[in-house]
Amino acid sequence: RYERDPFTWKSSSSQLLRRKQLMLGSVLFHVGIIVVFFGHLVGL
């Protein structure tokens, strides 16, 4: 994908639409998922 479609290598942010809910939800999701991911990685 990186070699064939490098310009699609993005998160396609929709921050301009309902920014407040995006920011709160995004922070909660990313903080939680990072802890879960590395917790599984180290734990296993």
PDB file of all heavy atoms in Angstrom:
ATOM      1  N   ARG A   1       0.828  -1.205   0.000  1.00  0.00           N
ATOM      2  CA  ARG A   1       0.000   0.000   0.000  1.00  0.00           C
ATOM      3  C   ARG A   1       0.864   1.256   0.000  1.00  0.00           C
ATOM      4  O   ARG A   1       0.561   2.225  -0.693  1.00  0.00           O
ATOM      5  CB  ARG A   1      -0.930   0.004   1.209  1.00  0.00           C
ATOM      6  CG  ARG A   1      -1.781   1.269   1.286  1.00  0.00           C
ATOM      7  CD  ARG A   1      -2.820   1.208   2.359  1.00  0.00           C
ATOM      8  NE  ARG A   1      -3.575   2.454   2.430  1.00  0.00           N
ATOM      9  CZ  ARG A   1      -4.594   2.670   3.239  1.00  0.00           C
ATOM     10  NH1 ARG A   1      -5.005   1.690   4.055  1.00  0.00           N
ATOM     11  NH2 ARG A   1      -5.221   3.823   3.265  1.00  0.00           N
ATOM     12  N   TYR A   2       1.933   1.240   0.770  1.00  0.00           N
ATOM     13  CA  TYR A   2       2.802   2.416   0.831  1.00  0.00           C
ATOM     14  C   TYR A   2       3.465   2.683  -0.513  1.00  0.00           C
ATOM     15  O   TYR A   2       3.639   3.835  -0.917  1.00  0.00           O
ATOM     16  CB  TYR A   2       3.866   2.222   1.902  1.00  0.00           C
ATOM     17  CG  TYR A   2       4.679   3.458   2.164  1.00  0.00           C
ATOM     18  CD1 TYR A   2       4.205   4.466   2.997  1.00  0.00           C
ATOM     19  CD2 TYR A   2       5.924   3.634   1.563  1.00  0.00           C
ATOM     20  CE1 TYR A   2       4.948   5.608   3.226  1.00  0.00           C
ATOM     21  CE2 TYR A   2       6.680   4.776   1.794  1.00  0.00           C
ATOM     22  CZ  TYR A   2       6.186   5.761   2.629  1.00  0.00           C
ATOM     23  OH  TYR A   2       6.917   6.890   2.847  1.00  0.00           O
ATOM     24  N   GLU A   3       3.833   1.616  -1.226  1.00  0.00           N
ATOM     25  CA  GLU A   3       4.486   1.782  -2.516  1.00  0.00           C
ATOM     26  C   GLU A   3       3.493   2.118  -3.628  1.00  0.00           C
ATOM     27  O   GLU A   3       3.804   2.886  -4.533  1.00  0.00           O
ATOM     28  CB  GLU A   3       5.236   0.494  -2.882  1.00  0.00           C
ATOM     29  CG  GLU A   3       6.425   0.195  -1.982  1.00  0.00           C
ATOM     30  CD  GLU A   3       7.538   1.223  -2.124  1.00  0.00           C
ATOM     31  OE1 GLU A   3       7.653   1.815  -3.206  1.00  0.00           O
ATOM     32  OE2 GLU A   3       8.272   1.444  -1.138  1.00  0.00           O
ATOM     33  N   ARG A   4       2.292   1.556  -3.550  1.00  0.00           N
ATOM     34  CA  ARG A   4       1.319   1.714  -4.626  1.00  0.00           C
ATOM     35  C   ARG A   4       0.436   2.948  -4.436  1.00  0.00           C
ATOM     36  O   ARG A   4       0.155   3.673  -5.385  1.00  0.00           O
ATOM     37  CB  ARG A   4       0.439   0.460  -4.718  1.00  0.00           C
ATOM     38  CG  ARG A   4      -0.550   0.482  -5.867  1.00  0.00           C
ATOM     39  CD  ARG A   4      -1.351  -0.805  -5.911  1.00  0.00           C
ATOM     40  NE  ARG A   4      -2.332  -0.796  -6.983  1.00  0.00           N
ATOM     41  CZ  ARG A   4      -2.090  -1.120  -8.240  1.00  0.00           C
ATOM     42  NH1 ARG A   4      -0.864  -1.493  -8.564  1.00  0.00           N
ATOM     43  NH2 ARG A   4      -3.030  -1.095  -9.145  1.00  0.00           N
ATOM     44  N   ASP A   5      -0.047   3.175  -3.212  1.00  0.00           N
ATOM     45  CA  ASP A   5      -0.963   4.286  -2.939  1.00  0.00           C
ATOM     46  C   ASP A   5      -0.499   5.079  -1.721  1.00  0.00           C
ATOM     47  O   ASP A   5      -1.154   5.083  -0.678  1.00  0.00           O
ATOM     48  CB  ASP A   5      -2.388   3.762  -2.696  1.00  0.00           C
ATOM     49  CG  ASP A   5      -2.959   3.038  -3.897  1.00  0.00           C
ATOM     50  OD1 ASP A   5      -2.980   3.649  -4.981  1.00  0.00           O
ATOM     51  OD2 ASP A   5      -3.389   1.884  -3.750  1.00  0.00           O
ATOM     52  N   PRO A   6       0.629   5.754  -1.827  1.00  0.00           N
ATOM     53  CA  PRO A   6       1.156   6.468  -0.652  1.00  0.00           C
ATOM     54  C   PRO A   6       0.264   7.603  -0.177  1.00  0.00           C
ATOM     55  O   PRO A   6       0.280   7.952   1.001  1.00  0.00           O
ATOM     56  CB  PRO A   6       2.510   6.991  -1.137  1.00  0.00           C
ATOM     57  CG  PRO A   6       2.383   7.066  -2.618  1.00  0.00           C
ATOM     58  CD  PRO A   6       1.492   5.931  -3.005  1.00  0.00           C
ATOM     59  N   PHE A   7      -0.542   8.187  -1.078  1.00  0.00           N
ATOM     60  CA  PHE A   7      -1.380   9.310  -0.688  1.00  0.00           C
ATOM     61  C   PHE A   7      -2.627   8.866   0.078  1.00  0.00           C
ATOM     62  O   PHE A   7      -3.354   9.707   0.600  1.00  0.00           O
ATOM     63  CB  PHE A   7      -1.778  10.130  -1.910  1.00  0.00           C
ATOM     64  CG  PHE A   7      -0.603  10.784  -2.591  1.00  0.00           C
ATOM     65  CD1 PHE A   7      -0.175  10.358  -3.829  1.00  0.00           C
ATOM     66  CD2 PHE A   7       0.081  11.820  -1.978  1.00  0.00           C
ATOM     67  CE1 PHE A   7       0.906  10.954  -4.457  1.00  0.00           C
ATOM     68  CE2 PHE A   7       1.168  12.422  -2.593  1.00  0.00           C
ATOM     69  CZ  PHE A   7       1.586  11.986  -3.833  1.00  0.00           C
ATOM     70  N   THR A   8      -2.897   7.576   0.126  1.00  0.00           N
ATOM     71  CA  THR A   8      -4.011   7.069   0.944  1.00  0.00           C
ATOM     72  C   THR A   8      -3.540   6.686   2.334  1.00  0.00           C
ATOM     73  O   THR A   8      -4.338   6.232   3.150  1.00  0.00           O
ATOM     74  CB  THR A   8      -4.648   5.843   0.275  1.00  0.00           C
ATOM     75  OG1 THR A   8      -3.710   4.744   0.270  1.00  0.00           O
ATOM     76  CG2 THR A   8      -5.051   6.147  -1.159  1.00  0.00           C
ATOM     77  N   TRP A   9      -2.251   6.863   2.600  1.00  0.00           N
ATOM     78  CA  TRP A   9      -1.669   6.488   3.896  1.00  0.00           C
ATOM     79  C   TRP A   9      -1.962   7.616   4.889  1.00  0.00           C
ATOM     80  O   TRP A   9      -1.109   8.446   5.193  1.00  0.00           O
ATOM     81  CB  TRP A   9      -0.173   6.269   3.731  1.00  0.00           C
ATOM     82  CG  TRP A   9       0.502   5.600   4.888  1.00  0.00           C
ATOM     83  CD1 TRP A   9       0.826   6.165   6.086  1.00  0.00           C
ATOM     84  CD2 TRP A   9       0.941   4.244   4.966  1.00  0.00           C
ATOM     85  NE1 TRP A   9       1.440   5.252   6.894  1.00  0.00           N
ATOM     86  CE2 TRP A   9       1.524   4.055   6.239  1.00  0.00           C
ATOM     87  CE3 TRP A   9       0.901   3.169   4.090  1.00  0.00           C
ATOM     88  CZ2 TRP A   9       2.067   2.838   6.643  1.00  0.00           C
ATOM     89  CZ3 TRP A   9       1.431   1.966   4.492  1.00  0.00           C
ATOM     90  CH2 TRP A   9       2.011   1.801   5.749  1.00  0.00           C
ATOM     91  N   LYS A  10      -3.169   7.656   5.407  1.00  0.00           N
ATOM     92  CA  LYS A  10      -3.574   8.731   6.306  1.00  0.00           C
ATOM     93  C   LYS A  10      -4.802   8.284   7.084  1.00  0.00           C
ATOM     94  O   LYS A  10      -5.401   7.239   6.800  1.00  0.00           O
ATOM     95  CB  LYS A  10      -3.898   9.991   5.511  1.00  0.00           C
ATOM     96  CG  LYS A  10      -4.991   9.781   4.458  1.00  0.00           C
ATOM     97  CD  LYS A  10      -5.230  11.027   3.648  1.00  0.00           C
ATOM     98  CE  LYS A  10      -6.326  10.785   2.612  1.00  0.00           C
ATOM     99  NZ  LYS A  10      -6.645  11.999   1.833  1.00  0.00           N
ATOM    100  N   SER A  11      -5.178   9.091   8.068  1.00  0.00           N
ATOM    101  CA  SER A  11      -6.342   8.761   8.890  1.00  0.00           C
ATOM    102  C   SER A  11      -7.618   9.422   8.394  1.00  0.00           C
ATOM    103  O   SER A  11      -8.692   9.173   8.928  1.00  0.00           O
ATOM    104  CB  SER A  11      -6.097   9.184  10.349  1.00  0.00           C
ATOM    105  OG  SER A  11      -5.873  10.580  10.420  1.00  0.00           O
ATOM    106  N   SER A  12      -7.512  10.297   7.375  1.00  0.00           N
ATOM    107  CA  SER A  12      -8.678  10.968   6.779  1.00  0.00           C
ATOM    108  C   SER A  12      -9.524  11.642   7.850  1.00  0.00           C
ATOM    109  O   SER A  12     -10.675  11.294   8.085  1.00  0.00           O
ATOM    110  CB  SER A  12      -9.524   9.958   5.981  1.00  0.00           C
ATOM    111  OG  SER A  12      -8.768   9.377   4.962  1.00  0.00           O
ATOM    112  N   SER A  13      -8.947  12.625   8.505  1.00  0.00           N
ATOM    113  CA  SER A  13      -9.610  13.292   9.619  1.00  0.00           C
ATOM    114  C   SER A  13     -10.866  14.028   9.167  1.00  0.00           C
ATOM    115  O   SER A  13     -10.917  14.620   8.092  1.00  0.00           O
ATOM    116  CB  SER A  13      -8.653  14.284  10.286  1.00  0.00           C
ATOM    117  OG  SER A  13      -9.313  15.029  11.287  1.00  0.00           O
ATOM    118  N   SER A  14     -11.898  14.008  10.023  1.00  0.00           N
ATOM    119  CA  SER A  14     -13.136  14.773   9.808  1.00  0.00           C
ATOM    120  C   SER A  14     -13.297  15.803  10.922  1.00  0.00           C
ATOM    121  O   SER A  14     -14.389  16.033  11.421  1.00  0.00           O
ATOM    122  CB  SER A  14     -14.345  13.829   9.768  1.00  0.00           C
ATOM    123  OG  SER A  14     -14.423  13.082  10.974  1.00  0.00           O
ATOM    124  N   GLN A  15     -12.192  16.399  11.300  1.00  0.00           N
ATOM    125  CA  GLN A  15     -12.162  17.289  12.460  1.00  0.00           C
ATOM    126  C   GLN A  15     -13.032  18.526  12.263  1.00  0.00           C
ATOM    127  O   GLN A  15     -13.554  19.089  13.225  1.00  0.00           O
ATOM    128  CB  GLN A  15     -10.719  17.719  12.745  1.00  0.00           C
ATOM    129  CG  GLN A  15     -10.557  18.579  13.994  1.00  0.00           C
ATOM    130  CD  GLN A  15      -9.100  18.846  14.317  1.00  0.00           C
ATOM    131  OE1 GLN A  15      -8.226  18.147  13.827  1.00  0.00           O
ATOM    132  NE2 GLN A  15      -8.854  19.844  15.131  1.00  0.00           N
ATOM    133  N   LEU A  16     -13.221  18.957  11.034  1.00  0.00           N
ATOM    134  CA  LEU A  16     -14.019  20.152  10.783  1.00  0.00           C
ATOM    135  C   LEU A  16     -15.497  19.931  11.068  1.00  0.00           C
ATOM    136  O   LEU A  16     -16.257  20.893  11.197  1.00  0.00           O
ATOM    137  CB  LEU A  16     -13.839  20.610   9.327  1.00  0.00           C
ATOM    138  CG  LEU A  16     -12.436  21.092   8.944  1.00  0.00           C
ATOM    139  CD1 LEU A  16     -12.386  21.440   7.471  1.00  0.00           C
ATOM    140  CD2 LEU A  16     -12.026  22.288   9.791  1.00  0.00           C
ATOM    141  N   LEU A  17     -15.922  18.674  11.168  1.00  0.00           N
ATOM    142  CA  LEU A  17     -17.320  18.355  11.402  1.00  0.00           C
ATOM    143  C   LEU A  17     -17.495  17.830  12.831  1.00  0.00           C
ATOM    144  O   LEU A  17     -16.948  16.798  13.197  1.00  0.00           O
ATOM    145  CB  LEU A  17     -17.808  17.297  10.403  1.00  0.00           C
ATOM    146  CG  LEU A  17     -17.575  17.633   8.917  1.00  0.00           C
ATOM    147  CD1 LEU A  17     -17.994  16.458   8.041  1.00  0.00           C
ATOM    148  CD2 LEU A  17     -18.340  18.895   8.537  1.00  0.00           C
ATOM    149  N   ARG A  18     -18.242  18.551  13.650  1.00  0.00           N
ATOM    150  CA  ARG A  18     -18.490  18.164  15.051  1.00  0.00           C
ATOM    151  C   ARG A  18     -17.175  17.910  15.780  1.00  0.00           C
ATOM    152  O   ARG A  18     -16.899  16.827  16.269  1.00  0.00           O
ATOM    153  CB  ARG A  18     -19.399  16.929  15.109  1.00  0.00           C
ATOM    154  CG  ARG A  18     -20.808  17.220  14.653  1.00  0.00           C
ATOM    155  CD  ARG A  18     -21.690  16.013  14.670  1.00  0.00           C
ATOM    156  NE  ARG A  18     -21.917  15.525  16.017  1.00  0.00           N
ATOM    157  CZ  ARG A  18     -22.755  14.531  16.312  1.00  0.00           C
ATOM    158  NH1 ARG A  18     -23.429  13.927  15.338  1.00  0.00           N
ATOM    159  NH2 ARG A  18     -22.913  14.133  17.546  1.00  0.00           N
ATOM    160  N   ARG A  19     -16.366  18.945  15.849  1.00  0.00           N
ATOM    161  CA  ARG A  19     -15.009  18.846  16.386  1.00  0.00           C
ATOM    162  C   ARG A  19     -15.004  18.473  17.865  1.00  0.00           C
ATOM    163  O   ARG A  19     -14.145  17.711  18.315  1.00  0.00           O
ATOM    164  CB  ARG A  19     -14.280  20.176  16.169  1.00  0.00           C
ATOM    165  CG  ARG A  19     -12.830  20.168  16.650  1.00  0.00           C
ATOM    166  CD  ARG A  19     -12.162  21.490  16.304  1.00  0.00           C
ATOM    167  NE  ARG A  19     -10.750  21.468  16.673  1.00  0.00           N
ATOM    168  CZ  ARG A  19     -10.294  21.811  17.861  1.00  0.00           C
ATOM    169  NH1 ARG A  19     -11.143  22.201  18.805  1.00  0.00           N
ATOM    170  NH2 ARG A  19      -8.993  21.769  18.130  1.00  0.00           N
ATOM    171  N   LYS A  20     -15.947  19.009  18.668  1.00  0.00           N
ATOM    172  CA  LYS A  20     -15.942  18.786  20.108  1.00  0.00           C
ATOM    173  C   LYS A  20     -16.086  17.305  20.447  1.00  0.00           C
ATOM    174  O   LYS A  20     -15.341  16.751  21.249  1.00  0.00           O
ATOM    175  CB  LYS A  20     -17.054  19.595  20.770  1.00  0.00           C
ATOM    176  CG  LYS A  20     -17.038  19.516  22.290  1.00  0.00           C
ATOM    177  CD  LYS A  20     -18.099  20.422  22.890  1.00  0.00           C
ATOM    178  CE  LYS A  20     -18.069  20.351  24.411  1.00  0.00           C
ATOM    179  NZ  LYS A  20     -19.119  21.235  25.021  1.00  0.00           N
ATOM    180  N   GLN A  21     -17.068  16.652  19.822  1.00  0.00           N
ATOM    181  CA  GLN A  21     -17.265  15.229  20.083  1.00  0.00           C
ATOM    182  C   GLN A  21     -16.085  14.411  19.563  1.00  0.00           C
ATOM    183  O   GLN A  21     -15.706  13.423  20.176  1.00  0.00           O
ATOM    184  CB  GLN A  21     -18.564  14.739  19.434  1.00  0.00           C
ATOM    185  CG  GLN A  21     -18.886  13.271  19.749  1.00  0.00           C
ATOM    186  CD  GLN A  21     -20.196  12.826  19.139  1.00  0.00           C
ATOM    187  OE1 GLN A  21     -20.887  13.596  18.490  1.00  0.00           O
ATOM    188  NE2 GLN A  21     -20.550  11.572  19.354  1.00  0.00           N
ATOM    189  N   LEU A  22     -15.507  14.833  18.453  1.00  0.00           N
ATOM    190  CA  LEU A  22     -14.353  14.123  17.914  1.00  0.00           C
ATOM    191  C   LEU A  22     -13.179  14.182  18.884  1.00  0.00           C
ATOM    192  O   LEU A  22     -12.529  13.169  19.149  1.00  0.00           O
ATOM    193  CB  LEU A  22     -13.951  14.725  16.568  1.00  0.00           C
ATOM    194  CG  LEU A  22     -12.609  14.233  15.998  1.00  0.00           C
ATOM    195  CD1 LEU A  22     -12.695  12.742  15.670  1.00  0.00           C
ATOM    196  CD2 LEU A  22     -12.214  15.029  14.772  1.00  0.00           C
ATOM    197  N   MET A  23     -12.893  15.362  19.419  1.00  0.00           N
ATOM    198  CA  MET A  23     -11.734  15.528  20.281  1.00  0.00           C
ATOM    199  C   MET A  23     -11.874  14.687  21.549  1.00  0.00           C
ATOM    200  O   MET A  23     -10.947  13.986  21.952  1.00  0.00           O
ATOM    201  CB  MET A  23     -11.545  17.004  20.634  1.00  0.00           C
ATOM    202  CG  MET A  23     -11.214  17.889  19.434  1.00  0.00           C
ATOM    203  SD  MET A  23      -9.749  17.317  18.525  1.00  0.00           S
ATOM    204  CE  MET A  23      -8.483  17.580  19.773  1.00  0.00           C
ATOM    205  N   LEU A  24     -13.034  14.744  22.195  1.00  0.00           N
ATOM    206  CA  LEU A  24     -13.231  13.978  23.428  1.00  0.00           C
ATOM    207  C   LEU A  24     -13.191  12.481  23.151  1.00  0.00           C
ATOM    208  O   LEU A  24     -12.490  11.726  23.830  1.00  0.00           O
ATOM    209  CB  LEU A  24     -14.558  14.372  24.074  1.00  0.00           C
ATOM    210  CG  LEU A  24     -14.906  13.646  25.380  1.00  0.00           C
ATOM    211  CD1 LEU A  24     -13.824  13.870  26.420  1.00  0.00           C
ATOM    212  CD2 LEU A  24     -16.265  14.103  25.900  1.00  0.00           C
ATOM    213  N   GLY A  25     -13.933  12.047  22.156  1.00  0.00           N
ATOM    214  CA  GLY A  25     -13.951  10.625  21.826  1.00  0.00           C
ATOM    215  C   GLY A  25     -12.600  10.121  21.365  1.00  0.00           C
ATOM    216  O   GLY A  25     -12.182   9.015  21.728  1.00  0.00           O
ATOM    217  N   SER A  26     -11.891  10.929  20.574  1.00  0.00           N
ATOM    218  CA  SER A  26     -10.590  10.527  20.057  1.00  0.00           C
ATOM    219  C   SER A  26      -9.564  10.389  21.178  1.00  0.00           C
ATOM    220  O   SER A  26      -8.777   9.432  21.197  1.00  0.00           O
ATOM    221  CB  SER A  26     -10.106  11.537  19.020  1.00  0.00           C
ATOM    222  OG  SER A  26      -8.847  11.167  18.497  1.00  0.00           O
ATOM    223  N   VAL A  27      -9.569  11.334  22.116  1.00  0.00           N
ATOM    224  CA  VAL A  27      -8.614  11.266  23.227  1.00  0.00           C
ATOM    225  C   VAL A  27      -8.882  10.033  24.084  1.00  0.00           C
ATOM    226  O   VAL A  27      -7.959   9.279  24.420  1.00  0.00           O
ATOM    227  CB  VAL A  27      -8.685  12.552  24.079  1.00  0.00           C
ATOM    228  CG1 VAL A  27      -7.900  12.377  25.374  1.00  0.00           C
ATOM    229  CG2 VAL A  27      -8.138  13.733  23.293  1.00  0.00           C
ATOM    230  N   LEU A  28     -10.138   9.807  24.439  1.00  0.00           N
ATOM    231  CA  LEU A  28     -10.478   8.634  25.253  1.00  0.00           C
ATOM    232  C   LEU A  28     -10.113   7.337  24.526  1.00  0.00           C
ATOM    233  O   LEU A  28      -9.530   6.420  25.120  1.00  0.00           O
ATOM    234  CB  LEU A  28     -11.970   8.645  25.590  1.00  0.00           C
ATOM    235  CG  LEU A  28     -12.456   9.750  26.527  1.00  0.00           C
ATOM    236  CD1 LEU A  28     -13.976   9.687  26.665  1.00  0.00           C
ATOM    237  CD2 LEU A  28     -11.797   9.628  27.901  1.00  0.00           C
ATOM    238  N   PHE A  29     -10.452   7.275  23.251  1.00  0.00           N
ATOM    239  CA  PHE A  29     -10.185   6.061  22.486  1.00  0.00           C
ATOM    240  C   PHE A  29      -8.690   5.789  22.358  1.00  0.00           C
ATOM    241  O   PHE A  29      -8.225   4.676  22.612  1.00  0.00           O
ATOM    242  CB  PHE A  29     -10.812   6.173  21.099  1.00  0.00           C
ATOM    243  CG  PHE A  29     -10.449   5.041  20.182  1.00  0.00           C
ATOM    244  CD1 PHE A  29     -10.982   3.779  20.370  1.00  0.00           C
ATOM    245  CD2 PHE A  29      -9.553   5.235  19.131  1.00  0.00           C
ATOM    246  CE1 PHE A  29     -10.643   2.727  19.526  1.00  0.00           C
ATOM    247  CE2 PHE A  29      -9.209   4.196  18.292  1.00  0.00           C
ATOM    248  CZ  PHE A  29      -9.759   2.940  18.487  1.00  0.00           C
ATOM    249  N   HIS A  30      -7.919   6.804  21.976  1.00  0.00           N
ATOM    250  CA  HIS A  30      -6.498   6.589  21.739  1.00  0.00           C
ATOM    251  C   HIS A  30      -5.737   6.294  23.029  1.00  0.00           C
ATOM    252  O   HIS A  30      -4.871   5.415  23.046  1.00  0.00           O
ATOM    253  CB  HIS A  30      -5.895   7.803  21.028  1.00  0.00           C
ATOM    254  CG  HIS A  30      -6.218   7.866  19.570  1.00  0.00           C
ATOM    255  ND1 HIS A  30      -7.323   8.486  19.075  1.00  0.00           N
ATOM    256  CD2 HIS A  30      -5.562   7.352  18.495  1.00  0.00           C
ATOM    257  CE1 HIS A  30      -7.350   8.378  17.761  1.00  0.00           C
ATOM    258  NE2 HIS A  30      -6.284   7.698  17.375  1.00  0.00           N
ATOM    259  N   VAL A  31      -6.056   6.994  24.100  1.00  0.00           N
ATOM    260  CA  VAL A  31      -5.382   6.719  25.370  1.00  0.00           C
ATOM    261  C   VAL A  31      -5.679   5.295  25.825  1.00  0.00           C
ATOM    262  O   VAL A  31      -4.781   4.529  26.209  1.00  0.00           O
ATOM    263  CB  VAL A  31      -5.804   7.734  26.445  1.00  0.00           C
ATOM    264  CG1 VAL A  31      -5.305   7.309  27.816  1.00  0.00           C
ATOM    265  CG2 VAL A  31      -5.261   9.122  26.110  1.00  0.00           C
ATOM    266  N   GLY A  32      -6.954   4.926  25.781  1.00  0.00           N
ATOM    267  CA  GLY A  32      -7.328   3.580  26.217  1.00  0.00           C
ATOM    268  C   GLY A  32      -6.757   2.490  25.343  1.00  0.00           C
ATOM    269  O   GLY A  32      -6.228   1.492  25.843  1.00  0.00           O
ATOM    270  N   ILE A  33      -6.818   2.672  24.023  1.00  0.00           N
ATOM    271  CA  ILE A  33      -6.370   1.622  23.109  1.00  0.00           C
ATOM    272  C   ILE A  33      -4.867   1.453  23.141  1.00  0.00           C
ATOM    273  O   ILE A  33      -4.349   0.334  22.962  1.00  0.00           O
ATOM    274  CB  ILE A  33      -6.869   1.902  21.673  1.00  0.00           C
ATOM    275  CG1 ILE A  33      -7.015   0.591  20.877  1.00  0.00           C
ATOM    276  CG2 ILE A  33      -5.947   2.849  20.948  1.00  0.00           C
ATOM    277  CD1 ILE A  33      -8.129  -0.276  21.339  1.00  0.00           C
ATOM    278  N   ILE A  34      -4.123   2.537  23.380  1.00  0.00           N
ATOM    279  CA  ILE A  34      -2.670   2.426  23.480  1.00  0.00           C
ATOM    280  C   ILE A  34      -2.282   1.601  24.706  1.00  0.00           C
ATOM    281  O   ILE A  34      -1.400   0.737  24.635  1.00  0.00           O
ATOM    282  CB  ILE A  34      -2.029   3.829  23.521  1.00  0.00           C
ATOM    283  CG1 ILE A  34      -2.122   4.489  22.145  1.00  0.00           C
ATOM    284  CG2 ILE A  34      -0.576   3.753  23.959  1.00  0.00           C
ATOM    285  CD1 ILE A  34      -1.666   5.929  22.110  1.00  0.00           C
ATOM    286  N   VAL A  35      -2.947   1.860  25.834  1.00  0.00           N
ATOM    287  CA  VAL A  35      -2.665   1.081  27.047  1.00  0.00           C
ATOM    288  C   VAL A  35      -3.039  -0.385  26.842  1.00  0.00           C
ATOM    289  O   VAL A  35      -2.284  -1.292  27.221  1.00  0.00           O
ATOM    290  CB  VAL A  35      -3.425   1.671  28.257  1.00  0.00           C
ATOM    291  CG1 VAL A  35      -3.253   0.786  29.493  1.00  0.00           C
ATOM    292  CG2 VAL A  35      -2.933   3.080  28.562  1.00  0.00           C
ATOM    293  N   VAL A  36      -4.186  -0.623  26.212  1.00  0.00           N
ATOM    294  CA  VAL A  36      -4.612  -2.005  25.953  1.00  0.00           C
ATOM    295  C   VAL A  36      -3.637  -2.713  25.023  1.00  0.00           C
ATOM    296  O   VAL A  36      -3.238  -3.866  25.256  1.00  0.00           O
ATOM    297  CB  VAL A  36      -6.036  -2.015  25.352  1.00  0.00           C
ATOM    298  CG1 VAL A  36      -6.385  -3.406  24.830  1.00  0.00           C
ATOM    299  CG2 VAL A  36      -7.051  -1.584  26.395  1.00  0.00           C
ATOM    300  N   PHE A  37      -3.221  -2.032  23.960  1.00  0.00           N
ATOM    301  CA  PHE A  37      -2.328  -2.647  22.978  1.00  0.00           C
ATOM    302  C   PHE A  37      -0.987  -3.030  23.596  1.00  0.00           C
ATOM    303  O   PHE A  37      -0.534  -4.174  23.477  1.00  0.00           O
ATOM    304  CB  PHE A  37      -2.115  -1.694  21.805  1.00  0.00           C
ATOM    305  CG  PHE A  37      -1.105  -2.183  20.804  1.00  0.00           C
ATOM    306  CD1 PHE A  37      -1.433  -3.165  19.895  1.00  0.00           C
ATOM    307  CD2 PHE A  37       0.183  -1.657  20.783  1.00  0.00           C
ATOM    308  CE1 PHE A  37      -0.496  -3.628  18.972  1.00  0.00           C
ATOM    309  CE2 PHE A  37       1.119  -2.101  19.872  1.00  0.00           C
ATOM    310  CZ  PHE A  37       0.780  -3.089  18.968  1.00  0.00           C
ATOM    311  N   PHE A  38      -0.347  -2.078  24.251  1.00  0.00           N
ATOM    312  CA  PHE A  38       0.962  -2.371  24.825  1.00  0.00           C
ATOM    313  C   PHE A  38       0.852  -3.297  26.034  1.00  0.00           C
ATOM    314  O   PHE A  38       1.789  -4.045  26.324  1.00  0.00           O
ATOM    315  CB  PHE A  38       1.687  -1.072  25.196  1.00  0.00           C
ATOM    316  CG  PHE A  38       2.249  -0.352  24.016  1.00  0.00           C
ATOM    317  CD1 PHE A  38       1.613   0.770  23.494  1.00  0.00           C
ATOM    318  CD2 PHE A  38       3.402  -0.799  23.389  1.00  0.00           C
ATOM    319  CE1 PHE A  38       2.123   1.437  22.396  1.00  0.00           C
ATOM    320  CE2 PHE A  38       3.922  -0.147  22.285  1.00  0.00           C
ATOM    321  CZ  PHE A  38       3.278   0.976  21.784  1.00  0.00           C
ATOM    322  N   GLY A  39      -0.286  -3.255  26.712  1.00  0.00           N
ATOM    323  CA  GLY A  39      -0.503  -4.210  27.793  1.00  0.00           C
ATOM    324  C   GLY A  39      -0.544  -5.642  27.275  1.00  0.00           C
ATOM    325  O   GLY A  39       0.059  -6.548  27.864  1.00  0.00           O
ATOM    326  N   HIS A  40      -1.246  -5.853  26.163  1.00  0.00           N
ATOM    327  CA  HIS A  40      -1.273  -7.178  25.547  1.00  0.00           C
ATOM    328  C   HIS A  40       0.104  -7.566  25.015  1.00  0.00           C
ATOM    329  O   HIS A  40       0.533  -8.722  25.140  1.00  0.00           O
ATOM    330  CB  HIS A  40      -2.282  -7.215  24.405  1.00  0.00           C
ATOM    331  CG  HIS A  40      -3.699  -7.388  24.854  1.00  0.00           C
ATOM    332  ND1 HIS A  40      -4.403  -6.425  25.524  1.00  0.00           N
ATOM    333  CD2 HIS A  40      -4.546  -8.455  24.739  1.00  0.00           C
ATOM    334  CE1 HIS A  40      -5.619  -6.867  25.792  1.00  0.00           C
ATOM    335  NE2 HIS A  40      -5.733  -8.097  25.325  1.00  0.00           N
ATOM    336  N   LEU A  41       0.785  -6.594  24.407  1.00  0.00           N
ATOM    337  CA  LEU A  41       2.091  -6.877  23.815  1.00  0.00           C
ATOM    338  C   LEU A  41       3.090  -7.320  24.886  1.00  0.00           C
ATOM    339  O   LEU A  41       3.766  -8.350  24.734  1.00  0.00           O
ATOM    340  CB  LEU A  41       2.606  -5.632  23.092  1.00  0.00           C
ATOM    341  CG  LEU A  41       3.764  -5.833  22.113  1.00  0.00           C
ATOM    342  CD1 LEU A  41       3.319  -6.672  20.928  1.00  0.00           C
ATOM    343  CD2 LEU A  41       4.282  -4.479  21.637  1.00  0.00           C
ATOM    344  N   VAL A  42       3.173  -6.556  25.970  1.00  0.00           N
ATOM    345  CA  VAL A  42       4.099  -6.898  27.050  1.00  0.00           C
ATOM    346  C   VAL A  42       3.635  -8.141  27.785  1.00  0.00           C
ATOM    347  O   VAL A  42       4.433  -9.023  28.125  1.00  0.00           O
ATOM    348  CB  VAL A  42       4.243  -5.709  28.021  1.00  0.00           C
ATOM    349  CG1 VAL A  42       5.090  -6.096  29.228  1.00  0.00           C
ATOM    350  CG2 VAL A  42       4.850  -4.508  27.308  1.00  0.00           C
ATOM    351  N   GLY A  43       2.335  -8.231  28.019  1.00  0.00           N
ATOM    352  CA  GLY A  43       1.812  -9.364  28.767  1.00  0.00           C
ATOM    353  C   GLY A  43       1.993 -10.696  28.074  1.00  0.00           C
ATOM    354  O   GLY A  43       2.284 -11.714  28.716  1.00  0.00           O
ATOM    355  N   LEU A  44       1.848 -10.719  26.749  1.00  0.00           N
ATOM    356  CA  LEU A  44       1.946 -11.984  26.016  1.00  0.00           C
ATOM    357  C   LEU A  44       3.380 -12.379  25.694  1.00  0.00           C
ATOM    358  O   LEU A  44       3.705 -13.573  25.659  1.00  0.00           O
ATOM    359  CB  LEU A  44       1.143 -11.895  24.716  1.00  0.00           C
ATOM    360  CG  LEU A  44      -0.384 -11.920  24.840  1.00  0.00           C
ATOM    361  CD1 LEU A  44      -1.026 -11.695  23.483  1.00  0.00           C
ATOM    362  CD2 LEU A  44      -0.857 -13.232  25.450  1.00  0.00           C
TER     363      LEU A  44
END
